[in-house]
Protein backbone atom coordinates (compact mmCIF):
# COMPACT_ATOMS: atom_id res chain seq x y z
CA GLY A 1 65.49 7.56 -54.42
CA GLU A 2 66.04 4.82 -56.95
CA ILE A 3 65.85 1.04 -56.66
CA PHE A 4 66.94 -1.60 -59.15
CA ALA A 5 64.46 -4.13 -60.49
CA ASP A 6 67.09 -6.46 -61.86
CA ARG A 7 69.65 -6.53 -59.06
CA ALA A 8 69.89 -8.04 -55.59
CA TYR A 9 70.94 -6.00 -52.55
CA ASN A 10 73.34 -6.52 -49.65
CA ASP A 11 72.46 -5.55 -46.07
CA ASP A 12 74.21 -2.17 -46.50
CA ALA A 13 72.02 -1.28 -49.54
CA THR A 14 74.83 -1.89 -52.02
CA LEU A 15 74.26 -4.13 -55.01
CA VAL A 16 75.34 -7.76 -54.77
CA ALA A 17 78.37 -8.30 -57.02
CA ARG A 18 77.38 -9.55 -60.46
CA SER A 19 79.75 -12.50 -59.99
CA VAL A 20 77.52 -13.88 -57.20
CA PRO A 21 74.79 -16.29 -58.36
CA GLY A 22 71.37 -14.62 -58.14
CA ALA A 23 72.79 -11.09 -58.14
CA VAL A 24 71.21 -10.28 -61.49
CA LEU A 25 67.51 -11.01 -61.92
CA HIS A 26 66.24 -11.94 -65.37
CA ALA A 27 62.63 -13.04 -64.82
CA ALA A 28 59.72 -10.69 -64.21
CA GLU A 29 58.11 -13.44 -62.12
CA THR A 30 60.97 -13.01 -59.64
CA ALA A 31 61.63 -9.29 -59.89
CA ALA A 32 58.09 -7.89 -59.99
CA PRO A 33 56.76 -9.20 -56.63
CA ARG A 34 60.06 -8.20 -55.02
CA ILE A 35 59.77 -4.62 -56.30
CA LEU A 36 56.12 -4.40 -55.21
CA LYS A 37 57.13 -5.49 -51.69
CA MET A 38 59.83 -2.79 -51.63
CA LEU A 39 57.35 -0.13 -52.70
CA GLN A 40 54.83 -1.26 -50.09
CA ALA A 41 57.50 -1.33 -47.37
CA GLY A 42 59.14 1.94 -48.41
CA ALA A 43 62.42 0.09 -48.14
CA ILE A 44 65.09 -1.77 -50.01
CA ILE A 45 64.77 -5.42 -49.08
CA ALA A 46 68.16 -7.11 -49.00
CA GLU A 47 68.73 -10.75 -49.88
CA SER A 48 68.85 -11.51 -46.15
CA GLY A 49 65.36 -10.03 -45.73
CA LYS A 50 66.65 -6.91 -43.97
CA HIS A 51 64.54 -3.80 -44.65
CA ILE A 52 66.49 -0.61 -45.32
CA PRO A 53 64.03 2.31 -45.22
CA CYS A 54 64.37 4.67 -48.18
CA ARG A 55 62.43 6.97 -50.42
CA ILE A 56 61.58 5.27 -53.72
CA ASP A 57 60.87 7.57 -56.65
CA THR A 58 62.17 5.54 -59.58
CA ILE A 59 62.83 1.95 -60.55
CA CYS A 60 65.90 1.35 -62.70
CA LEU A 61 66.36 -1.53 -65.07
CA HIS A 62 69.73 -2.13 -66.69
CA GLY A 63 69.36 -2.20 -70.46
CA ASP A 64 72.31 -4.57 -70.79
CA THR A 65 70.57 -7.27 -68.78
CA ASN A 66 69.47 -10.19 -70.96
CA GLY A 67 65.71 -9.98 -71.47
CA ALA A 68 65.53 -6.39 -70.15
CA VAL A 69 62.55 -5.39 -72.29
CA ALA A 70 60.45 -8.38 -71.24
CA LEU A 71 61.53 -7.88 -67.63
CA GLY A 72 60.52 -4.22 -67.73
CA ARG A 73 57.16 -4.99 -69.27
CA GLY A 74 56.48 -7.72 -66.73
CA VAL A 75 57.42 -5.54 -63.77
CA ARG A 76 55.30 -2.67 -65.05
CA ALA A 77 52.26 -4.92 -65.63
CA HIS A 78 52.59 -6.46 -62.16
CA LEU A 79 52.82 -3.06 -60.50
CA GLU A 80 49.89 -1.62 -62.45
CA ASN A 81 47.77 -4.70 -61.66
CA ALA A 82 48.56 -4.07 -57.98
CA GLY A 83 47.33 -0.49 -58.27
CA VAL A 84 50.72 1.25 -58.41
CA LYS A 85 50.51 4.43 -60.49
CA ILE A 86 53.30 4.68 -63.07
CA SER A 87 54.24 8.26 -63.97
CA LYS A 88 56.58 9.93 -66.41
CA PHE A 89 59.74 11.34 -64.89
C-alpha cells in the first residue's frame, strides 16, 4: 500500500483534485504530522477526518511538487524523530 505525503484525500481514498485549494501540500510542517497520524492509524485520513483502513508500505512524494526535496527531508526527519523506521524498498 502507498500513501501520498503531498496530497489530500477524499472520503473514497481518491486524491483531491489539484485544482482544489489545499489539495497539494507544500510544507513539511503540515504534511509530516498528517503522515505520522496515518501510519499510527493504519489508515488514509481524508480531509473530512474519515479513516480509511489500509496497509501502508510506502510513502510517495511527487517530484514535481514545488519544494519536494525539502518536504521529503522534513517528513523523513519527523517520522524518524517519532521512532518510525525508514527502510530501503
